[in-house]
Amino acid sequence: MGVFVCLPLVLPLTALPIARLAEQHLHPRSATRLLAVVGALLALCSTLCLGLLMVVGTAQLPGNPLPDSWSDPEVRDAVPYEEKAGIVAIGALAVVLVACGWTVLRHVRLRVRAGRALAAAPSVVSDGVALLPDPEPYAYALPGSPGRVVVSTAMAECLDAHERLALIAHERAHLAGRHHRYLLAAQLAARANPFLLPLRTAVSFSTERWADEEAACAVGDRRVVAVAVGKAALYSHRAPDVSAGLAAFAAPAGPVPRRVAALLAPVPPVRLWPPSSAYVALAALVATVGTAASALSSLNAAVTLVGILRAATPL
């Protein structure tokens, strides 16, 4: 096994350059999908290697539930220098599993609480948009069957008719694109490996930009969407108490100045190839090599360990 079993724990660092450059040079839809897939693959490989190290470490402990032959001295000789790392991996993998489980539980609880709060609140529902009488300005997309766009009357009063259409189109784009799934995948990846935290931030920004671009296409005016984004963020931050009531379910809107600047700029290109600059090409190459190396290292370590343990276990 050697060093291959540890490589996927640090190879997520190779994805950091593409995380930043994807925000700047790729269409946000492409950036979201690319970064979510890369992050998920790197996190899976990292977690798999922790599991492999845990098996090795557990095999060395007295009273382990594995077959006795797995702690045979020949097995220890075949996987040198892994005993201490394996014992440490037991604790690390436990932390990862608890963190990921807590993230999923919090995600589900938030959706359930938001759904119940919306059902209990007096609202006017029209075409999938729930208008709530609330003095606090907020708007958010609530996934579900069916998904709902929730807008407070205070937020609706802060915007003119065209800006309200842009805001609703933005929230509908979140629902249509299933952005909550990409965000959850990025959050789980970051919980599995802290080196993937920049990817989580990049995916969060890219989903907002994706919704901005979809809203711009829906209303046909990028400037109107830019104004709606800026005003909605401004009035939301002025809310007296966003920690109470339905306003608590509104997620942060991301770096608003960068979103507004992107909307006032030309439409980003949809194509992925050829890359827009040499820096993007180099970062994409590094991320691809890192992801491939992580997958191959995990596979090599898993196959090697399985072969060793099968050879050591009598039939």
C-alpha atoms as a PDB file:
ATOM      1  CA  MET A   1       0.000   0.000   0.000  1.00  0.00           C
ATOM      2  CA  GLY A   2       2.737   2.428   0.976  1.00  0.00           C
ATOM      3  CA  VAL A   3       2.175   6.102   0.364  1.00  0.00           C
ATOM      4  CA  PHE A   4      -0.746   5.530  -2.011  1.00  0.00           C
ATOM      5  CA  VAL A   5      -3.204   5.140   0.837  1.00  0.00           C
ATOM      6  CA  CYS A   6      -2.339   8.605   2.201  1.00  0.00           C
ATOM      7  CA  LEU A   7      -2.213  10.551  -1.073  1.00  0.00           C
ATOM      8  CA  PRO A   8      -6.003  11.123  -1.370  1.00  0.00           C
ATOM      9  CA  LEU A   9      -5.951  12.882   1.994  1.00  0.00           C
ATOM     10  CA  VAL A  10      -3.842  15.745   0.573  1.00  0.00           C
ATOM     11  CA  LEU A  11      -4.654  15.644  -3.151  1.00  0.00           C
ATOM     12  CA  PRO A  12      -7.760  17.856  -2.676  1.00  0.00           C
ATOM     13  CA  LEU A  13      -5.257  20.716  -2.529  1.00  0.00           C
ATOM     14  CA  THR A  14      -4.868  20.342  -6.296  1.00  0.00           C
ATOM     15  CA  ALA A  15      -8.468  21.521  -6.781  1.00  0.00           C
ATOM     16  CA  LEU A  16      -7.994  24.866  -5.045  1.00  0.00           C
ATOM     17  CA  PRO A  17      -6.763  26.835  -8.102  1.00  0.00           C
ATOM     18  CA  ILE A  18      -9.698  25.761 -10.266  1.00  0.00           C
ATOM     19  CA  ALA A  19     -12.163  26.681  -7.497  1.00  0.00           C
ATOM     20  CA  ARG A  20     -11.273  30.369  -7.764  1.00  0.00           C
ATOM     21  CA  LEU A  21     -10.737  30.498 -11.514  1.00  0.00           C
ATOM     22  CA  ALA A  22     -13.994  28.653 -12.259  1.00  0.00           C
ATOM     23  CA  GLU A  23     -15.917  31.445 -10.530  1.00  0.00           C
ATOM     24  CA  GLN A  24     -14.264  34.056 -12.719  1.00  0.00           C
ATOM     25  CA  HIS A  25     -14.034  32.413 -16.140  1.00  0.00           C
ATOM     26  CA  LEU A  26     -16.674  29.678 -16.445  1.00  0.00           C
ATOM     27  CA  HIS A  27     -20.405  29.956 -16.831  1.00  0.00           C
ATOM     28  CA  PRO A  28     -21.818  29.546 -13.308  1.00  0.00           C
ATOM     29  CA  ARG A  29     -23.839  26.490 -14.336  1.00  0.00           C
ATOM     30  CA  SER A  30     -20.701  24.754 -15.596  1.00  0.00           C
ATOM     31  CA  ALA A  31     -18.681  25.918 -12.582  1.00  0.00           C
ATOM     32  CA  THR A  32     -21.275  24.589 -10.124  1.00  0.00           C
ATOM     33  CA  ARG A  33     -21.465  21.171 -11.715  1.00  0.00           C
ATOM     34  CA  LEU A  34     -17.715  20.862 -12.238  1.00  0.00           C
ATOM     35  CA  LEU A  35     -16.765  21.879  -8.701  1.00  0.00           C
ATOM     36  CA  ALA A  36     -19.481  19.759  -7.087  1.00  0.00           C
ATOM     37  CA  VAL A  37     -18.388  16.643  -8.981  1.00  0.00           C
ATOM     38  CA  VAL A  38     -14.683  17.218  -8.330  1.00  0.00           C
ATOM     39  CA  GLY A  39     -15.314  17.899  -4.645  1.00  0.00           C
ATOM     40  CA  ALA A  40     -17.518  14.831  -4.228  1.00  0.00           C
ATOM     41  CA  LEU A  41     -14.979  12.541  -5.920  1.00  0.00           C
ATOM     42  CA  LEU A  42     -12.075  13.861  -3.876  1.00  0.00           C
ATOM     43  CA  ALA A  43     -14.082  13.580  -0.659  1.00  0.00           C
ATOM     44  CA  LEU A  44     -15.121  10.000  -1.435  1.00  0.00           C
ATOM     45  CA  CYS A  45     -11.524   8.992  -2.138  1.00  0.00           C
ATOM     46  CA  SER A  46     -10.346  10.691   1.039  1.00  0.00           C
ATOM     47  CA  THR A  47     -12.986   8.945   3.136  1.00  0.00           C
ATOM     48  CA  LEU A  48     -12.261   5.589   1.507  1.00  0.00           C
ATOM     49  CA  CYS A  49      -8.603   5.887   2.420  1.00  0.00           C
ATOM     50  CA  LEU A  50      -9.503   6.711   6.008  1.00  0.00           C
ATOM     51  CA  GLY A  51     -11.611   3.573   5.997  1.00  0.00           C
ATOM     52  CA  LEU A  52      -8.725   1.498   4.639  1.00  0.00           C
ATOM     53  CA  LEU A  53      -6.395   2.869   7.275  1.00  0.00           C
ATOM     54  CA  MET A  54      -9.031   2.153   9.910  1.00  0.00           C
ATOM     55  CA  VAL A  55      -9.245  -1.492   8.822  1.00  0.00           C
ATOM     56  CA  VAL A  56      -5.478  -1.833   9.103  1.00  0.00           C
ATOM     57  CA  GLY A  57      -5.445  -0.111  12.489  1.00  0.00           C
ATOM     58  CA  THR A  58      -8.346  -2.158  13.804  1.00  0.00           C
ATOM     59  CA  ALA A  59      -6.656  -5.363  12.691  1.00  0.00           C
ATOM     60  CA  GLN A  60      -3.754  -4.560  15.004  1.00  0.00           C
ATOM     61  CA  LEU A  61      -5.910  -3.984  18.085  1.00  0.00           C
ATOM     62  CA  PRO A  62      -6.611  -6.837  20.518  1.00  0.00           C
ATOM     63  CA  GLY A  63     -10.210  -7.971  20.621  1.00  0.00           C
ATOM     64  CA  ASN A  64     -11.062  -6.552  17.193  1.00  0.00           C
ATOM     65  CA  PRO A  65     -14.095  -8.040  15.425  1.00  0.00           C
ATOM     66  CA  LEU A  66     -12.061  -8.971  12.339  1.00  0.00           C
ATOM     67  CA  PRO A  67     -10.724 -12.497  11.710  1.00  0.00           C
ATOM     68  CA  ASP A  68      -7.678 -13.309  13.845  1.00  0.00           C
ATOM     69  CA  SER A  69      -5.599 -14.035  10.766  1.00  0.00           C
ATOM     70  CA  TRP A  70      -5.937 -10.378   9.703  1.00  0.00           C
ATOM     71  CA  SER A  71      -3.616  -9.386  12.556  1.00  0.00           C
ATOM     72  CA  ASP A  72      -1.076 -12.005  11.558  1.00  0.00           C
ATOM     73  CA  PRO A  73       2.549 -10.754  11.638  1.00  0.00           C
ATOM     74  CA  GLU A  74       2.810 -11.411   7.909  1.00  0.00           C
ATOM     75  CA  VAL A  75      -0.024  -8.973   7.322  1.00  0.00           C
ATOM     76  CA  ARG A  76       1.749  -6.396   9.476  1.00  0.00           C
ATOM     77  CA  ASP A  77       4.914  -6.885   7.450  1.00  0.00           C
ATOM     78  CA  ALA A  78       2.975  -6.479   4.191  1.00  0.00           C
ATOM     79  CA  VAL A  79       1.518  -3.133   5.284  1.00  0.00           C
ATOM     80  CA  PRO A  80       4.425  -1.463   7.124  1.00  0.00           C
ATOM     81  CA  TYR A  81       4.157   1.855   8.911  1.00  0.00           C
ATOM     82  CA  GLU A  82       0.352   1.726   8.827  1.00  0.00           C
ATOM     83  CA  GLU A  83      -0.425   0.656  12.389  1.00  0.00           C
ATOM     84  CA  LYS A  84      -0.243   4.052  14.108  1.00  0.00           C
ATOM     85  CA  ALA A  85      -1.807   5.833  11.149  1.00  0.00           C
ATOM     86  CA  GLY A  86      -4.613   3.294  11.165  1.00  0.00           C
ATOM     87  CA  ILE A  87      -5.366   3.877  14.840  1.00  0.00           C
ATOM     88  CA  VAL A  88      -5.459   7.640  14.242  1.00  0.00           C
ATOM     89  CA  ALA A  89      -7.710   7.056  11.226  1.00  0.00           C
ATOM     90  CA  ILE A  90     -10.315   5.427  13.465  1.00  0.00           C
ATOM     91  CA  GLY A  91     -10.844   8.703  15.291  1.00  0.00           C
ATOM     92  CA  ALA A  92     -10.606  10.766  12.092  1.00  0.00           C
ATOM     93  CA  LEU A  93     -13.190   8.632  10.303  1.00  0.00           C
ATOM     94  CA  ALA A  94     -15.505   8.839  13.311  1.00  0.00           C
ATOM     95  CA  VAL A  95     -15.260  12.641  13.199  1.00  0.00           C
ATOM     96  CA  VAL A  96     -15.994  12.653   9.458  1.00  0.00           C
ATOM     97  CA  LEU A  97     -19.030  10.381   9.834  1.00  0.00           C
ATOM     98  CA  VAL A  98     -20.428  12.423  12.720  1.00  0.00           C
ATOM     99  CA  ALA A  99     -19.875  15.710  10.874  1.00  0.00           C
ATOM    100  CA  CYS A 100     -21.478  14.441   7.661  1.00  0.00           C
ATOM    101  CA  GLY A 101     -24.372  12.895   9.574  1.00  0.00           C
ATOM    102  CA  TRP A 102     -24.957  16.139  11.443  1.00  0.00           C
ATOM    103  CA  THR A 103     -24.872  18.099   8.182  1.00  0.00           C
ATOM    104  CA  VAL A 104     -27.487  15.863   6.572  1.00  0.00           C
ATOM    105  CA  LEU A 105     -29.648  15.927   9.704  1.00  0.00           C
ATOM    106  CA  ARG A 106     -29.488  19.706   9.922  1.00  0.00           C
ATOM    107  CA  HIS A 107     -30.346  19.993   6.216  1.00  0.00           C
ATOM    108  CA  VAL A 108     -33.406  17.754   6.608  1.00  0.00           C
ATOM    109  CA  ARG A 109     -34.533  19.436   9.822  1.00  0.00           C
ATOM    110  CA  LEU A 110     -34.231  22.888   8.254  1.00  0.00           C
ATOM    111  CA  ARG A 111     -36.389  21.866   5.298  1.00  0.00           C
ATOM    112  CA  VAL A 112     -38.978  20.239   7.559  1.00  0.00           C
ATOM    113  CA  ARG A 113     -39.120  23.225   9.898  1.00  0.00           C
ATOM    114  CA  ALA A 114     -39.390  25.652   6.989  1.00  0.00           C
ATOM    115  CA  GLY A 115     -42.163  23.584   5.404  1.00  0.00           C
ATOM    116  CA  ARG A 116     -44.142  23.412   8.638  1.00  0.00           C
ATOM    117  CA  ALA A 117     -43.660  27.107   9.325  1.00  0.00           C
ATOM    118  CA  LEU A 118     -44.844  27.976   5.833  1.00  0.00           C
ATOM    119  CA  ALA A 119     -47.890  25.711   6.143  1.00  0.00           C
ATOM    120  CA  ALA A 120     -48.826  27.325   9.456  1.00  0.00           C
ATOM    121  CA  ALA A 121     -48.289  30.909   8.313  1.00  0.00           C
ATOM    122  CA  PRO A 122     -51.064  32.918   6.614  1.00  0.00           C
ATOM    123  CA  SER A 123     -50.004  33.364   3.023  1.00  0.00           C
ATOM    124  CA  VAL A 124     -51.246  34.039  -0.474  1.00  0.00           C
ATOM    125  CA  VAL A 125     -50.016  31.334  -2.851  1.00  0.00           C
ATOM    126  CA  SER A 126     -50.039  32.050  -6.562  1.00  0.00           C
ATOM    127  CA  ASP A 127     -48.162  30.092  -9.236  1.00  0.00           C
ATOM    128  CA  GLY A 128     -45.809  28.511  -6.736  1.00  0.00           C
ATOM    129  CA  VAL A 129     -45.028  31.818  -4.974  1.00  0.00           C
ATOM    130  CA  ALA A 130     -46.058  32.230  -1.329  1.00  0.00           C
ATOM    131  CA  LEU A 131     -46.486  35.871  -0.313  1.00  0.00           C
ATOM    132  CA  LEU A 132     -46.304  36.189   3.482  1.00  0.00           C
ATOM    133  CA  PRO A 133     -47.460  39.220   5.462  1.00  0.00           C
ATOM    134  CA  ASP A 134     -44.244  39.953   7.336  1.00  0.00           C
ATOM    135  CA  PRO A 135     -42.550  43.266   8.203  1.00  0.00           C
ATOM    136  CA  GLU A 136     -39.094  41.695   7.707  1.00  0.00           C
ATOM    137  CA  PRO A 137     -37.781  41.687   4.107  1.00  0.00           C
ATOM    138  CA  TYR A 138     -36.646  38.273   2.861  1.00  0.00           C
ATOM    139  CA  ALA A 139     -37.061  35.851  -0.024  1.00  0.00           C
ATOM    140  CA  TYR A 140     -35.882  32.264  -0.458  1.00  0.00           C
ATOM    141  CA  ALA A 141     -36.569  29.056  -2.341  1.00  0.00           C
ATOM    142  CA  LEU A 142     -37.946  26.122  -0.347  1.00  0.00           C
ATOM    143  CA  PRO A 143     -37.287  22.766  -2.077  1.00  0.00           C
ATOM    144  CA  GLY A 144     -39.940  20.101  -1.881  1.00  0.00           C
ATOM    145  CA  SER A 145     -42.818  18.543  -3.746  1.00  0.00           C
ATOM    146  CA  PRO A 146     -43.763  21.024  -4.948  1.00  0.00           C
ATOM    147  CA  GLY A 147     -41.050  23.581  -4.322  1.00  0.00           C
ATOM    148  CA  ARG A 148     -42.127  27.033  -3.240  1.00  0.00           C
ATOM    149  CA  VAL A 149     -40.730  30.536  -3.568  1.00  0.00           C
ATOM    150  CA  VAL A 150     -41.322  32.408  -0.319  1.00  0.00           C
ATOM    151  CA  VAL A 151     -41.408  36.225  -0.391  1.00  0.00           C
ATOM    152  CA  SER A 152     -42.402  38.538   2.434  1.00  0.00           C
ATOM    153  CA  THR A 153     -44.650  41.521   1.808  1.00  0.00           C
ATOM    154  CA  ALA A 154     -41.875  43.786   3.126  1.00  0.00           C
ATOM    155  CA  MET A 155     -39.478  42.515   0.465  1.00  0.00           C
ATOM    156  CA  ALA A 156     -42.119  42.851  -2.254  1.00  0.00           C
ATOM    157  CA  GLU A 157     -42.722  46.464  -1.231  1.00  0.00           C
ATOM    158  CA  CYS A 158     -38.995  47.247  -1.461  1.00  0.00           C
ATOM    159  CA  LEU A 159     -38.889  46.383  -5.173  1.00  0.00           C
ATOM    160  CA  ASP A 160     -40.762  47.627  -8.207  1.00  0.00           C
ATOM    161  CA  ALA A 161     -42.705  45.300 -10.509  1.00  0.00           C
ATOM    162  CA  HIS A 162     -39.769  44.406 -12.784  1.00  0.00           C
ATOM    163  CA  GLU A 163     -37.451  43.834  -9.848  1.00  0.00           C
ATOM    164  CA  ARG A 164     -40.004  41.578  -8.169  1.00  0.00           C
ATOM    165  CA  LEU A 165     -40.183  39.495 -11.328  1.00  0.00           C
ATOM    166  CA  ALA A 166     -36.393  39.252 -11.356  1.00  0.00           C
ATOM    167  CA  LEU A 167     -36.319  38.218  -7.691  1.00  0.00           C
ATOM    168  CA  ILE A 168     -38.945  35.516  -8.208  1.00  0.00           C
ATOM    169  CA  ALA A 169     -37.174  34.273 -11.348  1.00  0.00           C
ATOM    170  CA  HIS A 170     -33.945  34.044  -9.332  1.00  0.00           C
ATOM    171  CA  GLU A 171     -35.569  31.930  -6.614  1.00  0.00           C
ATOM    172  CA  ARG A 172     -37.337  29.755  -9.186  1.00  0.00           C
ATOM    173  CA  ALA A 173     -33.992  29.089 -10.837  1.00  0.00           C
ATOM    174  CA  HIS A 174     -32.740  27.706  -7.513  1.00  0.00           C
ATOM    175  CA  LEU A 175     -35.635  25.254  -7.494  1.00  0.00           C
ATOM    176  CA  ALA A 176     -35.421  24.307 -11.167  1.00  0.00           C
ATOM    177  CA  GLY A 177     -31.661  23.731 -10.992  1.00  0.00           C
ATOM    178  CA  ARG A 178     -31.853  21.701  -7.753  1.00  0.00           C
ATOM    179  CA  HIS A 179     -29.177  23.943  -6.328  1.00  0.00           C
ATOM    180  CA  HIS A 180     -29.734  22.619  -2.803  1.00  0.00           C
ATOM    181  CA  ARG A 181     -28.300  19.273  -3.933  1.00  0.00           C
ATOM    182  CA  TYR A 182     -25.081  20.836  -5.183  1.00  0.00           C
ATOM    183  CA  LEU A 183     -24.780  22.844  -1.986  1.00  0.00           C
ATOM    184  CA  LEU A 184     -25.333  19.766   0.171  1.00  0.00           C
ATOM    185  CA  ALA A 185     -22.750  17.790  -1.822  1.00  0.00           C
ATOM    186  CA  ALA A 186     -20.214  20.602  -1.387  1.00  0.00           C
ATOM    187  CA  GLN A 187     -20.935  20.831   2.338  1.00  0.00           C
ATOM    188  CA  LEU A 188     -20.494  17.084   2.811  1.00  0.00           C
ATOM    189  CA  ALA A 189     -17.247  17.164   0.830  1.00  0.00           C
ATOM    190  CA  ALA A 190     -15.916  19.943   3.060  1.00  0.00           C
ATOM    191  CA  ARG A 191     -16.897  17.968   6.160  1.00  0.00           C
ATOM    192  CA  ALA A 192     -15.059  14.920   4.808  1.00  0.00           C
ATOM    193  CA  ASN A 193     -11.876  16.857   4.054  1.00  0.00           C
ATOM    194  CA  PRO A 194     -11.190  20.426   5.288  1.00  0.00           C
ATOM    195  CA  PHE A 195      -8.996  21.059   2.235  1.00  0.00           C
ATOM    196  CA  LEU A 196     -12.247  21.208   0.231  1.00  0.00           C
ATOM    197  CA  LEU A 197     -13.653  24.202   2.129  1.00  0.00           C
ATOM    198  CA  PRO A 198     -12.745  26.618  -0.726  1.00  0.00           C
ATOM    199  CA  LEU A 199     -14.767  24.442  -3.107  1.00  0.00           C
ATOM    200  CA  ARG A 200     -17.788  24.745  -0.829  1.00  0.00           C
ATOM    201  CA  THR A 201     -17.485  28.534  -0.902  1.00  0.00           C
ATOM    202  CA  ALA A 202     -17.065  28.499  -4.684  1.00  0.00           C
ATOM    203  CA  VAL A 203     -20.130  26.279  -5.201  1.00  0.00           C
ATOM    204  CA  SER A 204     -22.207  28.532  -2.947  1.00  0.00           C
ATOM    205  CA  PHE A 205     -21.249  31.578  -5.020  1.00  0.00           C
ATOM    206  CA  SER A 206     -21.688  29.774  -8.350  1.00  0.00           C
ATOM    207  CA  THR A 207     -25.228  28.653  -7.515  1.00  0.00           C
ATOM    208  CA  GLU A 208     -26.184  32.260  -6.786  1.00  0.00           C
ATOM    209  CA  ARG A 209     -24.584  33.381 -10.038  1.00  0.00           C
ATOM    210  CA  TRP A 210     -26.352  30.554 -11.895  1.00  0.00           C
ATOM    211  CA  ALA A 211     -29.705  31.762 -10.553  1.00  0.00           C
ATOM    212  CA  ASP A 212     -28.787  35.351 -11.458  1.00  0.00           C
ATOM    213  CA  GLU A 213     -28.082  34.363 -15.065  1.00  0.00           C
ATOM    214  CA  GLU A 214     -31.311  32.372 -15.322  1.00  0.00           C
ATOM    215  CA  ALA A 215     -33.241  35.344 -13.940  1.00  0.00           C
ATOM    216  CA  ALA A 216     -31.568  37.650 -16.465  1.00  0.00           C
ATOM    217  CA  CYS A 217     -32.665  35.345 -19.280  1.00  0.00           C
ATOM    218  CA  ALA A 218     -36.208  35.206 -17.878  1.00  0.00           C
ATOM    219  CA  VAL A 219     -36.718  38.974 -17.573  1.00  0.00           C
ATOM    220  CA  GLY A 220     -34.514  39.910 -20.521  1.00  0.00           C
ATOM    221  CA  ASP A 221     -32.607  42.667 -18.706  1.00  0.00           C
ATOM    222  CA  ARG A 222     -29.381  42.023 -16.807  1.00  0.00           C
ATOM    223  CA  ARG A 223     -29.385  45.504 -15.254  1.00  0.00           C
ATOM    224  CA  VAL A 224     -32.814  44.954 -13.686  1.00  0.00           C
ATOM    225  CA  VAL A 225     -31.587  41.724 -12.108  1.00  0.00           C
ATOM    226  CA  ALA A 226     -28.448  43.472 -10.840  1.00  0.00           C
ATOM    227  CA  VAL A 227     -30.559  46.200  -9.217  1.00  0.00           C
ATOM    228  CA  ALA A 228     -32.920  43.610  -7.715  1.00  0.00           C
ATOM    229  CA  VAL A 229     -30.002  41.627  -6.288  1.00  0.00           C
ATOM    230  CA  GLY A 230     -28.430  44.725  -4.748  1.00  0.00           C
ATOM    231  CA  LYS A 231     -31.658  46.086  -3.293  1.00  0.00           C
ATOM    232  CA  ALA A 232     -32.781  42.712  -1.931  1.00  0.00           C
ATOM    233  CA  ALA A 233     -29.428  42.220  -0.192  1.00  0.00           C
ATOM    234  CA  LEU A 234     -29.452  45.784   1.146  1.00  0.00           C
ATOM    235  CA  TYR A 235     -32.938  45.566   2.634  1.00  0.00           C
ATOM    236  CA  SER A 236     -32.376  42.038   3.964  1.00  0.00           C
ATOM    237  CA  HIS A 237     -29.341  43.194   5.931  1.00  0.00           C
ATOM    238  CA  ARG A 238     -31.438  46.000   7.393  1.00  0.00           C
ATOM    239  CA  ALA A 239     -33.964  43.520   8.818  1.00  0.00           C
ATOM    240  CA  PRO A 240     -34.234  44.105  12.596  1.00  0.00           C
ATOM    241  CA  ASP A 241     -34.174  40.418  13.579  1.00  0.00           C
ATOM    242  CA  VAL A 242     -33.393  37.847  10.897  1.00  0.00           C
ATOM    243  CA  SER A 243     -32.883  35.100  13.476  1.00  0.00           C
ATOM    244  CA  ALA A 244     -36.580  34.783  14.237  1.00  0.00           C
ATOM    245  CA  GLY A 245     -39.564  33.641  12.256  1.00  0.00           C
ATOM    246  CA  LEU A 246     -39.549  32.631   8.606  1.00  0.00           C
ATOM    247  CA  ALA A 247     -36.737  35.105   7.865  1.00  0.00           C
ATOM    248  CA  ALA A 248     -34.356  32.675   9.593  1.00  0.00           C
ATOM    249  CA  PHE A 249     -34.674  30.268   6.666  1.00  0.00           C
ATOM    250  CA  ALA A 250     -33.299  32.775   4.152  1.00  0.00           C
ATOM    251  CA  ALA A 251     -29.725  31.814   3.271  1.00  0.00           C
ATOM    252  CA  PRO A 252     -26.968  34.439   2.847  1.00  0.00           C
ATOM    253  CA  ALA A 253     -26.924  35.912  -0.654  1.00  0.00           C
ATOM    254  CA  GLY A 254     -23.182  35.555  -1.218  1.00  0.00           C
ATOM    255  CA  PRO A 255     -20.734  38.310  -2.234  1.00  0.00           C
ATOM    256  CA  VAL A 256     -23.303  40.747  -3.611  1.00  0.00           C
ATOM    257  CA  PRO A 257     -20.857  43.281  -5.151  1.00  0.00           C
ATOM    258  CA  ARG A 258     -19.247  40.520  -7.234  1.00  0.00           C
ATOM    259  CA  ARG A 259     -22.649  39.252  -8.336  1.00  0.00           C
ATOM    260  CA  VAL A 260     -23.774  42.737  -9.365  1.00  0.00           C
ATOM    261  CA  ALA A 261     -20.509  43.343 -11.232  1.00  0.00           C
ATOM    262  CA  ALA A 262     -20.913  40.040 -13.092  1.00  0.00           C
ATOM    263  CA  LEU A 263     -24.475  40.952 -14.098  1.00  0.00           C
ATOM    264  CA  LEU A 264     -23.318  44.307 -15.448  1.00  0.00           C
ATOM    265  CA  ALA A 265     -20.649  42.524 -17.506  1.00  0.00           C
ATOM    266  CA  PRO A 266     -21.286  40.525 -20.707  1.00  0.00           C
ATOM    267  CA  VAL A 267     -22.868  37.088 -20.501  1.00  0.00           C
ATOM    268  CA  PRO A 268     -20.208  34.503 -19.535  1.00  0.00           C
ATOM    269  CA  PRO A 269     -19.437  31.891 -22.209  1.00  0.00           C
ATOM    270  CA  VAL A 270     -21.141  28.519 -21.849  1.00  0.00           C
ATOM    271  CA  ARG A 271     -18.374  26.535 -23.555  1.00  0.00           C
ATOM    272  CA  LEU A 272     -15.873  24.588 -21.492  1.00  0.00           C
ATOM    273  CA  TRP A 273     -13.341  24.065 -24.269  1.00  0.00           C
ATOM    274  CA  PRO A 274     -11.103  25.666 -25.337  1.00  0.00           C
ATOM    275  CA  PRO A 275     -10.398  27.352 -21.981  1.00  0.00           C
ATOM    276  CA  SER A 276     -10.624  31.122 -21.814  1.00  0.00           C
ATOM    277  CA  SER A 277      -7.036  31.534 -20.596  1.00  0.00           C
ATOM    278  CA  ALA A 278      -3.838  29.613 -19.994  1.00  0.00           C
ATOM    279  CA  TYR A 279      -4.342  29.934 -16.235  1.00  0.00           C
ATOM    280  CA  VAL A 280      -7.720  28.211 -16.459  1.00  0.00           C
ATOM    281  CA  ALA A 281      -6.250  25.463 -18.620  1.00  0.00           C
ATOM    282  CA  LEU A 282      -3.387  24.887 -16.190  1.00  0.00           C
ATOM    283  CA  ALA A 283      -5.685  24.875 -13.155  1.00  0.00           C
ATOM    284  CA  ALA A 284      -8.068  22.474 -14.885  1.00  0.00           C
ATOM    285  CA  LEU A 285      -5.155  20.198 -15.749  1.00  0.00           C
ATOM    286  CA  VAL A 286      -3.882  20.220 -12.153  1.00  0.00           C
ATOM    287  CA  ALA A 287      -7.366  19.488 -10.777  1.00  0.00           C
ATOM    288  CA  THR A 288      -7.901  16.688 -13.298  1.00  0.00           C
ATOM    289  CA  VAL A 289      -4.556  15.088 -12.531  1.00  0.00           C
ATOM    290  CA  GLY A 290      -5.167  15.429  -8.793  1.00  0.00           C
ATOM    291  CA  THR A 291      -8.633  13.894  -8.996  1.00  0.00           C
ATOM    292  CA  ALA A 292      -7.426  11.045 -11.208  1.00  0.00           C
ATOM    293  CA  ALA A 293      -4.439  10.398  -8.950  1.00  0.00           C
ATOM    294  CA  SER A 294      -6.703  10.382  -5.906  1.00  0.00           C
ATOM    295  CA  ALA A 295      -9.062   7.872  -7.495  1.00  0.00           C
ATOM    296  CA  LEU A 296      -6.232   5.631  -8.706  1.00  0.00           C
ATOM    297  CA  SER A 297      -4.452   5.791  -5.345  1.00  0.00           C
ATOM    298  CA  SER A 298      -7.638   4.838  -3.507  1.00  0.00           C
ATOM    299  CA  LEU A 299      -8.300   1.994  -5.914  1.00  0.00           C
ATOM    300  CA  ASN A 300      -4.724   0.750  -5.698  1.00  0.00           C
ATOM    301  CA  ALA A 301      -4.770   0.813  -1.880  1.00  0.00           C
ATOM    302  CA  ALA A 302      -8.156  -0.917  -1.713  1.00  0.00           C
ATOM    303  CA  VAL A 303      -7.194  -3.673  -4.163  1.00  0.00           C
ATOM    304  CA  THR A 304      -3.845  -4.209  -2.432  1.00  0.00           C
ATOM    305  CA  LEU A 305      -5.383  -4.413   1.025  1.00  0.00           C
ATOM    306  CA  VAL A 306      -8.125  -6.763  -0.100  1.00  0.00           C
ATOM    307  CA  GLY A 307      -5.529  -9.004  -1.770  1.00  0.00           C
ATOM    308  CA  ILE A 308      -3.373  -9.091   1.367  1.00  0.00           C
ATOM    309  CA  LEU A 309      -6.257  -9.831   3.700  1.00  0.00           C
ATOM    310  CA  ARG A 310      -7.705 -12.510   1.433  1.00  0.00           C
ATOM    311  CA  ALA A 311      -4.305 -14.175   1.237  1.00  0.00           C
ATOM    312  CA  ALA A 312      -3.983 -14.070   5.023  1.00  0.00           C
ATOM    313  CA  THR A 313      -7.492 -15.388   5.663  1.00  0.00           C
ATOM    314  CA  PRO A 314      -7.847 -19.164   5.365  1.00  0.00           C
ATOM    315  CA  LEU A 315     -10.667 -20.412   3.183  1.00  0.00           C
END
